[in-house]
Amino acid sequence: MGVQDIVEGKRQWRAHMARVKALPPDYRIVYKEIQRYVFKVGPVDLLDGSLLSGIIDFFEEGVAAGRGVLELVGDDVAAFCDGLIKDSRT
């Protein structure tokens, strides 16, 4: 991994976090819990970035539809996360 890769990775992460900050507060709280859970469990395919960005896409669609975050993920956020990573190597 070269310096350019590191710089590009930081740029992508900052853009990702800007999208998170644009979400309503309840969505941000649930996203942070999902992020904490996923980082702790550590699915191998997390490195390609599609899991977390896919969650943001899902949340942005929920916001646009006027739905609450718990309508999307349910009351048990950990069970929602388990469903997301059930077929992933950890």
PDB file of N, CA and C in Angstrom:
ATOM      1  N   MET A   1       0.851  -1.164   0.000  1.00  0.00           N
ATOM      2  CA  MET A   1       0.000   0.000   0.000  1.00  0.00           C
ATOM      3  C   MET A   1       0.898   1.228   0.000  1.00  0.00           C
ATOM      4  N   GLY A   2       0.735   2.020  -1.035  1.00  0.00           N
ATOM      5  CA  GLY A   2       1.540   3.215  -1.160  1.00  0.00           C
ATOM      6  C   GLY A   2       0.875   4.417  -0.529  1.00  0.00           C
ATOM      7  N   VAL A   3       1.598   5.525  -0.565  1.00  0.00           N
ATOM      8  CA  VAL A   3       1.093   6.769   0.009  1.00  0.00           C
ATOM      9  C   VAL A   3      -0.185   7.213  -0.701  1.00  0.00           C
ATOM     10  N   GLN A   4      -0.223   7.056  -2.023  1.00  0.00           N
ATOM     11  CA  GLN A   4      -1.413   7.444  -2.780  1.00  0.00           C
ATOM     12  C   GLN A   4      -2.635   6.648  -2.328  1.00  0.00           C
ATOM     13  N   ASP A   5      -2.440   5.363  -2.046  1.00  0.00           N
ATOM     14  CA  ASP A   5      -3.545   4.525  -1.572  1.00  0.00           C
ATOM     15  C   ASP A   5      -4.052   5.004  -0.216  1.00  0.00           C
ATOM     16  N   ILE A   6      -3.146   5.388   0.643  1.00  0.00           N
ATOM     17  CA  ILE A   6      -3.525   5.882   1.967  1.00  0.00           C
ATOM     18  C   ILE A   6      -4.296   7.186   1.847  1.00  0.00           C
ATOM     19  N   VAL A   7      -3.796   8.098   1.009  1.00  0.00           N
ATOM     20  CA  VAL A   7      -4.462   9.386   0.802  1.00  0.00           C
ATOM     21  C   VAL A   7      -5.856   9.163   0.212  1.00  0.00           C
ATOM     22  N   GLU A   8      -5.962   8.293  -0.757  1.00  0.00           N
ATOM     23  CA  GLU A   8      -7.259   8.004  -1.378  1.00  0.00           C
ATOM     24  C   GLU A   8      -8.216   7.369  -0.370  1.00  0.00           C
ATOM     25  N   GLY A   9      -7.713   6.472   0.451  1.00  0.00           N
ATOM     26  CA  GLY A   9      -8.538   5.852   1.484  1.00  0.00           C
ATOM     27  C   GLY A   9      -9.071   6.868   2.482  1.00  0.00           C
ATOM     28  N   LYS A  10      -8.228   7.801   2.881  1.00  0.00           N
ATOM     29  CA  LYS A  10      -8.675   8.863   3.806  1.00  0.00           C
ATOM     30  C   LYS A  10      -9.720   9.749   3.147  1.00  0.00           C
ATOM     31  N   ARG A  11      -9.533  10.060   1.883  1.00  0.00           N
ATOM     32  CA  ARG A  11     -10.487  10.899   1.163  1.00  0.00           C
ATOM     33  C   ARG A  11     -11.840  10.194   1.099  1.00  0.00           C
ATOM     34  N   GLN A  12     -11.829   8.909   0.805  1.00  0.00           N
ATOM     35  CA  GLN A  12     -13.076   8.154   0.726  1.00  0.00           C
ATOM     36  C   GLN A  12     -13.749   8.062   2.095  1.00  0.00           C
ATOM     37  N   TRP A  13     -12.958   7.855   3.145  1.00  0.00           N
ATOM     38  CA  TRP A  13     -13.527   7.763   4.487  1.00  0.00           C
ATOM     39  C   TRP A  13     -14.156   9.090   4.904  1.00  0.00           C
ATOM     40  N   ARG A  14     -13.507  10.201   4.593  1.00  0.00           N
ATOM     41  CA  ARG A  14     -14.067  11.514   4.931  1.00  0.00           C
ATOM     42  C   ARG A  14     -15.379  11.757   4.187  1.00  0.00           C
ATOM     43  N   ALA A  15     -15.439  11.370   2.928  1.00  0.00           N
ATOM     44  CA  ALA A  15     -16.671  11.513   2.154  1.00  0.00           C
ATOM     45  C   ALA A  15     -17.767  10.619   2.742  1.00  0.00           C
ATOM     46  N   HIS A  16     -17.377   9.433   3.164  1.00  0.00           N
ATOM     47  CA  HIS A  16     -18.315   8.500   3.797  1.00  0.00           C
ATOM     48  C   HIS A  16     -18.880   9.104   5.080  1.00  0.00           C
ATOM     49  N   MET A  17     -18.028   9.641   5.914  1.00  0.00           N
ATOM     50  CA  MET A  17     -18.460  10.220   7.183  1.00  0.00           C
ATOM     51  C   MET A  17     -19.282  11.493   6.967  1.00  0.00           C
ATOM     52  N   ALA A  18     -19.038  12.218   5.890  1.00  0.00           N
ATOM     53  CA  ALA A  18     -19.857  13.392   5.569  1.00  0.00           C
ATOM     54  C   ALA A  18     -21.290  12.958   5.264  1.00  0.00           C
ATOM     55  N   ARG A  19     -21.438  11.811   4.598  1.00  0.00           N
ATOM     56  CA  ARG A  19     -22.775  11.285   4.336  1.00  0.00           C
ATOM     57  C   ARG A  19     -23.461  10.881   5.639  1.00  0.00           C
ATOM     58  N   VAL A  20     -22.698  10.309   6.560  1.00  0.00           N
ATOM     59  CA  VAL A  20     -23.259   9.923   7.859  1.00  0.00           C
ATOM     60  C   VAL A  20     -23.737  11.165   8.602  1.00  0.00           C
ATOM     61  N   LYS A  21     -22.925  12.208   8.606  1.00  0.00           N
ATOM     62  CA  LYS A  21     -23.281  13.441   9.316  1.00  0.00           C
ATOM     63  C   LYS A  21     -24.504  14.116   8.719  1.00  0.00           C
ATOM     64  N   ALA A  22     -24.814  13.846   7.465  1.00  0.00           N
ATOM     65  CA  ALA A  22     -25.978  14.441   6.815  1.00  0.00           C
ATOM     66  C   ALA A  22     -27.279  13.719   7.192  1.00  0.00           C
ATOM     67  N   LEU A  23     -27.163  12.556   7.805  1.00  0.00           N
ATOM     68  CA  LEU A  23     -28.358  11.813   8.213  1.00  0.00           C
ATOM     69  C   LEU A  23     -29.004  12.469   9.435  1.00  0.00           C
ATOM     70  N   PRO A  24     -30.306  12.253   9.634  1.00  0.00           N
ATOM     71  CA  PRO A  24     -30.960  12.747  10.852  1.00  0.00           C
ATOM     72  C   PRO A  24     -30.335  12.107  12.096  1.00  0.00           C
ATOM     73  N   PRO A  25     -30.470  12.741  13.252  1.00  0.00           N
ATOM     74  CA  PRO A  25     -29.802  12.245  14.473  1.00  0.00           C
ATOM     75  C   PRO A  25     -30.106  10.796  14.836  1.00  0.00           C
ATOM     76  N   ASP A  26     -31.358  10.356  14.712  1.00  0.00           N
ATOM     77  CA  ASP A  26     -31.672   8.982  15.077  1.00  0.00           C
ATOM     78  C   ASP A  26     -31.001   7.982  14.141  1.00  0.00           C
ATOM     79  N   TYR A  27     -30.905   8.320  12.880  1.00  0.00           N
ATOM     80  CA  TYR A  27     -30.209   7.469  11.917  1.00  0.00           C
ATOM     81  C   TYR A  27     -28.707   7.425  12.228  1.00  0.00           C
ATOM     82  N   ARG A  28     -28.141   8.568  12.593  1.00  0.00           N
ATOM     83  CA  ARG A  28     -26.708   8.607  12.927  1.00  0.00           C
ATOM     84  C   ARG A  28     -26.407   7.723  14.124  1.00  0.00           C
ATOM     85  N   ILE A  29     -27.252   7.770  15.132  1.00  0.00           N
ATOM     86  CA  ILE A  29     -27.030   6.955  16.331  1.00  0.00           C
ATOM     87  C   ILE A  29     -27.032   5.476  15.967  1.00  0.00           C
ATOM     88  N   VAL A  30     -28.021   5.052  15.199  1.00  0.00           N
ATOM     89  CA  VAL A  30     -28.099   3.639  14.810  1.00  0.00           C
ATOM     90  C   VAL A  30     -26.924   3.275  13.914  1.00  0.00           C
ATOM     91  N   TYR A  31     -26.543   4.170  12.993  1.00  0.00           N
ATOM     92  CA  TYR A  31     -25.389   3.887  12.139  1.00  0.00           C
ATOM     93  C   TYR A  31     -24.132   3.679  12.980  1.00  0.00           C
ATOM     94  N   LYS A  32     -23.909   4.538  13.963  1.00  0.00           N
ATOM     95  CA  LYS A  32     -22.714   4.416  14.815  1.00  0.00           C
ATOM     96  C   LYS A  32     -22.721   3.087  15.562  1.00  0.00           C
ATOM     97  N   GLU A  33     -23.892   2.646  16.019  1.00  0.00           N
ATOM     98  CA  GLU A  33     -23.990   1.352  16.701  1.00  0.00           C
ATOM     99  C   GLU A  33     -23.688   0.207  15.740  1.00  0.00           C
ATOM    100  N   ILE A  34     -24.206   0.304  14.515  1.00  0.00           N
ATOM    101  CA  ILE A  34     -23.918  -0.719  13.509  1.00  0.00           C
ATOM    102  C   ILE A  34     -22.429  -0.731  13.200  1.00  0.00           C
ATOM    103  N   GLN A  35     -21.845   0.447  13.032  1.00  0.00           N
ATOM    104  CA  GLN A  35     -20.417   0.551  12.724  1.00  0.00           C
ATOM    105  C   GLN A  35     -19.589  -0.058  13.850  1.00  0.00           C
ATOM    106  N   ARG A  36     -19.927   0.248  15.086  1.00  0.00           N
ATOM    107  CA  ARG A  36     -19.206  -0.297  16.233  1.00  0.00           C
ATOM    108  C   ARG A  36     -19.307  -1.828  16.251  1.00  0.00           C
ATOM    109  N   TYR A  37     -20.498  -2.329  16.028  1.00  0.00           N
ATOM    110  CA  TYR A  37     -20.723  -3.777  16.024  1.00  0.00           C
ATOM    111  C   TYR A  37     -19.918  -4.451  14.913  1.00  0.00           C
ATOM    112  N   VAL A  38     -20.004  -3.895  13.706  1.00  0.00           N
ATOM    113  CA  VAL A  38     -19.319  -4.491  12.554  1.00  0.00           C
ATOM    114  C   VAL A  38     -17.807  -4.435  12.734  1.00  0.00           C
ATOM    115  N   PHE A  39     -17.278  -3.333  13.263  1.00  0.00           N
ATOM    116  CA  PHE A  39     -15.839  -3.239  13.494  1.00  0.00           C
ATOM    117  C   PHE A  39     -15.388  -4.241  14.540  1.00  0.00           C
ATOM    118  N   LYS A  40     -16.243  -4.495  15.517  1.00  0.00           N
ATOM    119  CA  LYS A  40     -15.895  -5.444  16.580  1.00  0.00           C
ATOM    120  C   LYS A  40     -15.892  -6.877  16.057  1.00  0.00           C
ATOM    121  N   VAL A  41     -16.908  -7.230  15.264  1.00  0.00           N
ATOM    122  CA  VAL A  41     -17.016  -8.580  14.727  1.00  0.00           C
ATOM    123  C   VAL A  41     -16.002  -8.791  13.616  1.00  0.00           C
ATOM    124  N   GLY A  42     -15.810  -7.780  12.797  1.00  0.00           N
ATOM    125  CA  GLY A  42     -14.759  -7.785  11.794  1.00  0.00           C
ATOM    126  C   GLY A  42     -14.944  -8.706  10.612  1.00  0.00           C
ATOM    127  N   PRO A  43     -16.046  -8.556   9.830  1.00  0.00           N
ATOM    128  CA  PRO A  43     -16.144  -9.376   8.621  1.00  0.00           C
ATOM    129  C   PRO A  43     -15.014  -9.041   7.660  1.00  0.00           C
ATOM    130  N   VAL A  44     -14.501 -10.059   6.995  1.00  0.00           N
ATOM    131  CA  VAL A  44     -13.354  -9.890   6.110  1.00  0.00           C
ATOM    132  C   VAL A  44     -13.666  -8.936   4.961  1.00  0.00           C
ATOM    133  N   ASP A  45     -14.884  -9.001   4.414  1.00  0.00           N
ATOM    134  CA  ASP A  45     -15.209  -8.158   3.264  1.00  0.00           C
ATOM    135  C   ASP A  45     -15.507  -6.714   3.638  1.00  0.00           C
ATOM    136  N   LEU A  46     -15.321  -6.345   4.887  1.00  0.00           N
ATOM    137  CA  LEU A  46     -15.498  -4.968   5.317  1.00  0.00           C
ATOM    138  C   LEU A  46     -14.472  -4.048   4.650  1.00  0.00           C
ATOM    139  N   LEU A  47     -13.333  -4.598   4.290  1.00  0.00           N
ATOM    140  CA  LEU A  47     -12.268  -3.785   3.718  1.00  0.00           C
ATOM    141  C   LEU A  47     -12.624  -3.170   2.372  1.00  0.00           C
ATOM    142  N   ASP A  48     -13.537  -3.782   1.624  1.00  0.00           N
ATOM    143  CA  ASP A  48     -13.886  -3.194   0.334  1.00  0.00           C
ATOM    144  C   ASP A  48     -14.851  -2.024   0.463  1.00  0.00           C
ATOM    145  N   GLY A  49     -15.406  -1.815   1.654  1.00  0.00           N
ATOM    146  CA  GLY A  49     -16.212  -0.640   1.927  1.00  0.00           C
ATOM    147  C   GLY A  49     -17.653  -0.700   1.479  1.00  0.00           C
ATOM    148  N   SER A  50     -18.076  -1.776   0.856  1.00  0.00           N
ATOM    149  CA  SER A  50     -19.437  -1.817   0.326  1.00  0.00           C
ATOM    150  C   SER A  50     -20.489  -2.026   1.409  1.00  0.00           C
ATOM    151  N   LEU A  51     -20.152  -2.684   2.504  1.00  0.00           N
ATOM    152  CA  LEU A  51     -21.128  -2.945   3.561  1.00  0.00           C
ATOM    153  C   LEU A  51     -21.604  -1.642   4.203  1.00  0.00           C
ATOM    154  N   LEU A  52     -20.681  -0.840   4.694  1.00  0.00           N
ATOM    155  CA  LEU A  52     -21.061   0.398   5.379  1.00  0.00           C
ATOM    156  C   LEU A  52     -21.671   1.423   4.432  1.00  0.00           C
ATOM    157  N   SER A  53     -21.142   1.526   3.224  1.00  0.00           N
ATOM    158  CA  SER A  53     -21.732   2.477   2.277  1.00  0.00           C
ATOM    159  C   SER A  53     -23.108   2.000   1.836  1.00  0.00           C
ATOM    160  N   GLY A  54     -23.312   0.693   1.778  1.00  0.00           N
ATOM    161  CA  GLY A  54     -24.632   0.159   1.461  1.00  0.00           C
ATOM    162  C   GLY A  54     -25.643   0.486   2.538  1.00  0.00           C
ATOM    163  N   ILE A  55     -25.199   0.468   3.798  1.00  0.00           N
ATOM    164  CA  ILE A  55     -26.084   0.835   4.905  1.00  0.00           C
ATOM    165  C   ILE A  55     -26.477   2.304   4.792  1.00  0.00           C
ATOM    166  N   ILE A  56     -25.528   3.150   4.448  1.00  0.00           N
ATOM    167  CA  ILE A  56     -25.846   4.569   4.286  1.00  0.00           C
ATOM    168  C   ILE A  56     -26.833   4.760   3.134  1.00  0.00           C
ATOM    169  N   ASP A  57     -26.632   4.049   2.022  1.00  0.00           N
ATOM    170  CA  ASP A  57     -27.583   4.120   0.912  1.00  0.00           C
ATOM    171  C   ASP A  57     -28.985   3.732   1.390  1.00  0.00           C
ATOM    172  N   PHE A  58     -29.058   2.638   2.134  1.00  0.00           N
ATOM    173  CA  PHE A  58     -30.320   2.141   2.680  1.00  0.00           C
ATOM    174  C   PHE A  58     -30.967   3.174   3.590  1.00  0.00           C
ATOM    175  N   PHE A  59     -30.155   3.788   4.452  1.00  0.00           N
ATOM    176  CA  PHE A  59     -30.664   4.807   5.365  1.00  0.00           C
ATOM    177  C   PHE A  59     -31.126   6.055   4.616  1.00  0.00           C
ATOM    178  N   GLU A  60     -30.375   6.474   3.608  1.00  0.00           N
ATOM    179  CA  GLU A  60     -30.763   7.654   2.838  1.00  0.00           C
ATOM    180  C   GLU A  60     -32.103   7.420   2.131  1.00  0.00           C
ATOM    181  N   GLU A  61     -32.319   6.198   1.648  1.00  0.00           N
ATOM    182  CA  GLU A  61     -33.606   5.874   1.025  1.00  0.00           C
ATOM    183  C   GLU A  61     -34.724   5.920   2.062  1.00  0.00           C
ATOM    184  N   GLY A  62     -34.442   5.437   3.279  1.00  0.00           N
ATOM    185  CA  GLY A  62     -35.431   5.483   4.355  1.00  0.00           C
ATOM    186  C   GLY A  62     -35.796   6.908   4.737  1.00  0.00           C
ATOM    187  N   VAL A  63     -34.785   7.763   4.800  1.00  0.00           N
ATOM    188  CA  VAL A  63     -35.037   9.179   5.112  1.00  0.00           C
ATOM    189  C   VAL A  63     -35.897   9.800   4.012  1.00  0.00           C
ATOM    190  N   ALA A  64     -35.555   9.528   2.759  1.00  0.00           N
ATOM    191  CA  ALA A  64     -36.305  10.095   1.636  1.00  0.00           C
ATOM    192  C   ALA A  64     -37.759   9.621   1.639  1.00  0.00           C
ATOM    193  N   ALA A  65     -37.990   8.395   2.120  1.00  0.00           N
ATOM    194  CA  ALA A  65     -39.339   7.845   2.168  1.00  0.00           C
ATOM    195  C   ALA A  65     -40.091   8.281   3.420  1.00  0.00           C
ATOM    196  N   GLY A  66     -39.400   8.984   4.325  1.00  0.00           N
ATOM    197  CA  GLY A  66     -40.036   9.460   5.543  1.00  0.00           C
ATOM    198  C   GLY A  66     -40.231   8.388   6.602  1.00  0.00           C
ATOM    199  N   ARG A  67     -39.438   7.340   6.541  1.00  0.00           N
ATOM    200  CA  ARG A  67     -39.556   6.250   7.505  1.00  0.00           C
ATOM    201  C   ARG A  67     -38.581   6.457   8.660  1.00  0.00           C
ATOM    202  N   GLY A  68     -38.950   5.968   9.825  1.00  0.00           N
ATOM    203  CA  GLY A  68     -38.063   6.010  10.974  1.00  0.00           C
ATOM    204  C   GLY A  68     -37.013   4.920  10.866  1.00  0.00           C
ATOM    205  N   VAL A  69     -35.891   5.126  11.499  1.00  0.00           N
ATOM    206  CA  VAL A  69     -34.793   4.177  11.379  1.00  0.00           C
ATOM    207  C   VAL A  69     -35.164   2.810  11.956  1.00  0.00           C
ATOM    208  N   LEU A  70     -35.926   2.779  13.028  1.00  0.00           N
ATOM    209  CA  LEU A  70     -36.300   1.491  13.614  1.00  0.00           C
ATOM    210  C   LEU A  70     -37.320   0.750  12.754  1.00  0.00           C
ATOM    211  N   GLU A  71     -38.022   1.451  11.891  1.00  0.00           N
ATOM    212  CA  GLU A  71     -38.872   0.778  10.906  1.00  0.00           C
ATOM    213  C   GLU A  71     -38.019  -0.010   9.919  1.00  0.00           C
ATOM    214  N   LEU A  72     -36.821   0.488   9.659  1.00  0.00           N
ATOM    215  CA  LEU A  72     -35.929  -0.164   8.699  1.00  0.00           C
ATOM    216  C   LEU A  72     -35.156  -1.327   9.315  1.00  0.00           C
ATOM    217  N   VAL A  73     -34.613  -1.109  10.500  1.00  0.00           N
ATOM    218  CA  VAL A  73     -33.721  -2.121  11.082  1.00  0.00           C
ATOM    219  C   VAL A  73     -34.388  -2.957  12.166  1.00  0.00           C
ATOM    220  N   GLY A  74     -35.506  -2.526  12.686  1.00  0.00           N
ATOM    221  CA  GLY A  74     -36.150  -3.244  13.776  1.00  0.00           C
ATOM    222  C   GLY A  74     -35.616  -2.768  15.121  1.00  0.00           C
ATOM    223  N   ASP A  75     -36.172  -3.341  16.181  1.00  0.00           N
ATOM    224  CA  ASP A  75     -35.785  -2.924  17.534  1.00  0.00           C
ATOM    225  C   ASP A  75     -34.441  -3.484  17.975  1.00  0.00           C
ATOM    226  N   ASP A  76     -34.001  -4.584  17.372  1.00  0.00           N
ATOM    227  CA  ASP A  76     -32.745  -5.230  17.762  1.00  0.00           C
ATOM    228  C   ASP A  76     -31.687  -4.964  16.697  1.00  0.00           C
ATOM    229  N   VAL A  77     -30.884  -3.944  16.925  1.00  0.00           N
ATOM    230  CA  VAL A  77     -29.871  -3.539  15.942  1.00  0.00           C
ATOM    231  C   VAL A  77     -28.815  -4.633  15.773  1.00  0.00           C
ATOM    232  N   ALA A  78     -28.467  -5.325  16.853  1.00  0.00           N
ATOM    233  CA  ALA A  78     -27.475  -6.407  16.760  1.00  0.00           C
ATOM    234  C   ALA A  78     -27.988  -7.535  15.868  1.00  0.00           C
ATOM    235  N   ALA A  79     -29.259  -7.874  15.961  1.00  0.00           N
ATOM    236  CA  ALA A  79     -29.828  -8.915  15.102  1.00  0.00           C
ATOM    237  C   ALA A  79     -29.814  -8.458  13.639  1.00  0.00           C
ATOM    238  N   PHE A  80     -30.071  -7.174  13.411  1.00  0.00           N
ATOM    239  CA  PHE A  80     -29.993  -6.629  12.059  1.00  0.00           C
ATOM    240  C   PHE A  80     -28.577  -6.789  11.514  1.00  0.00           C
ATOM    241  N   CYS A  81     -27.586  -6.467  12.336  1.00  0.00           N
ATOM    242  CA  CYS A  81     -26.183  -6.596  11.932  1.00  0.00           C
ATOM    243  C   CYS A  81     -25.828  -8.053  11.652  1.00  0.00           C
ATOM    244  N   ASP A  82     -26.286  -8.944  12.522  1.00  0.00           N
ATOM    245  CA  ASP A  82     -26.023 -10.371  12.307  1.00  0.00           C
ATOM    246  C   ASP A  82     -26.570 -10.826  10.969  1.00  0.00           C
ATOM    247  N   GLY A  83     -27.749 -10.327  10.610  1.00  0.00           N
ATOM    248  CA  GLY A  83     -28.328 -10.661   9.315  1.00  0.00           C
ATOM    249  C   GLY A  83     -27.506 -10.136   8.152  1.00  0.00           C
ATOM    250  N   LEU A  84     -26.893  -8.971   8.340  1.00  0.00           N
ATOM    251  CA  LEU A  84     -26.059  -8.391   7.271  1.00  0.00           C
ATOM    252  C   LEU A  84     -24.779  -9.190   7.021  1.00  0.00           C
ATOM    253  N   ILE A  85     -24.206  -9.699   8.091  1.00  0.00           N
ATOM    254  CA  ILE A  85     -22.896 -10.348   7.962  1.00  0.00           C
ATOM    255  C   ILE A  85     -22.948 -11.867   8.090  1.00  0.00           C
ATOM    256  N   LYS A  86     -24.143 -12.451   8.064  1.00  0.00           N
ATOM    257  CA  LYS A  86     -24.269 -13.881   8.315  1.00  0.00           C
ATOM    258  C   LYS A  86     -23.504 -14.747   7.307  1.00  0.00           C
ATOM    259  N   ASP A  87     -23.354 -14.293   6.091  1.00  0.00           N
ATOM    260  CA  ASP A  87     -22.650 -15.087   5.081  1.00  0.00           C
ATOM    261  C   ASP A  87     -21.208 -14.641   4.877  1.00  0.00           C
ATOM    262  N   SER A  88     -20.721 -13.768   5.749  1.00  0.00           N
ATOM    263  CA  SER A  88     -19.360 -13.238   5.624  1.00  0.00           C
ATOM    264  C   SER A  88     -18.401 -13.997   6.530  1.00  0.00           C
ATOM    265  N   ARG A  89     -17.180 -14.114   6.076  1.00  0.00           N
ATOM    266  CA  ARG A  89     -16.132 -14.647   6.960  1.00  0.00           C
ATOM    267  C   ARG A  89     -15.743 -13.579   7.931  1.00  0.00           C
ATOM    268  N   THR A  90     -15.512 -13.973   9.177  1.00  0.00           N
ATOM    269  CA  THR A  90     -15.088 -13.000  10.201  1.00  0.00           C
ATOM    270  C   THR A  90     -13.715 -13.345  10.697  1.00  0.00           C
TER     271      THR A  90
END
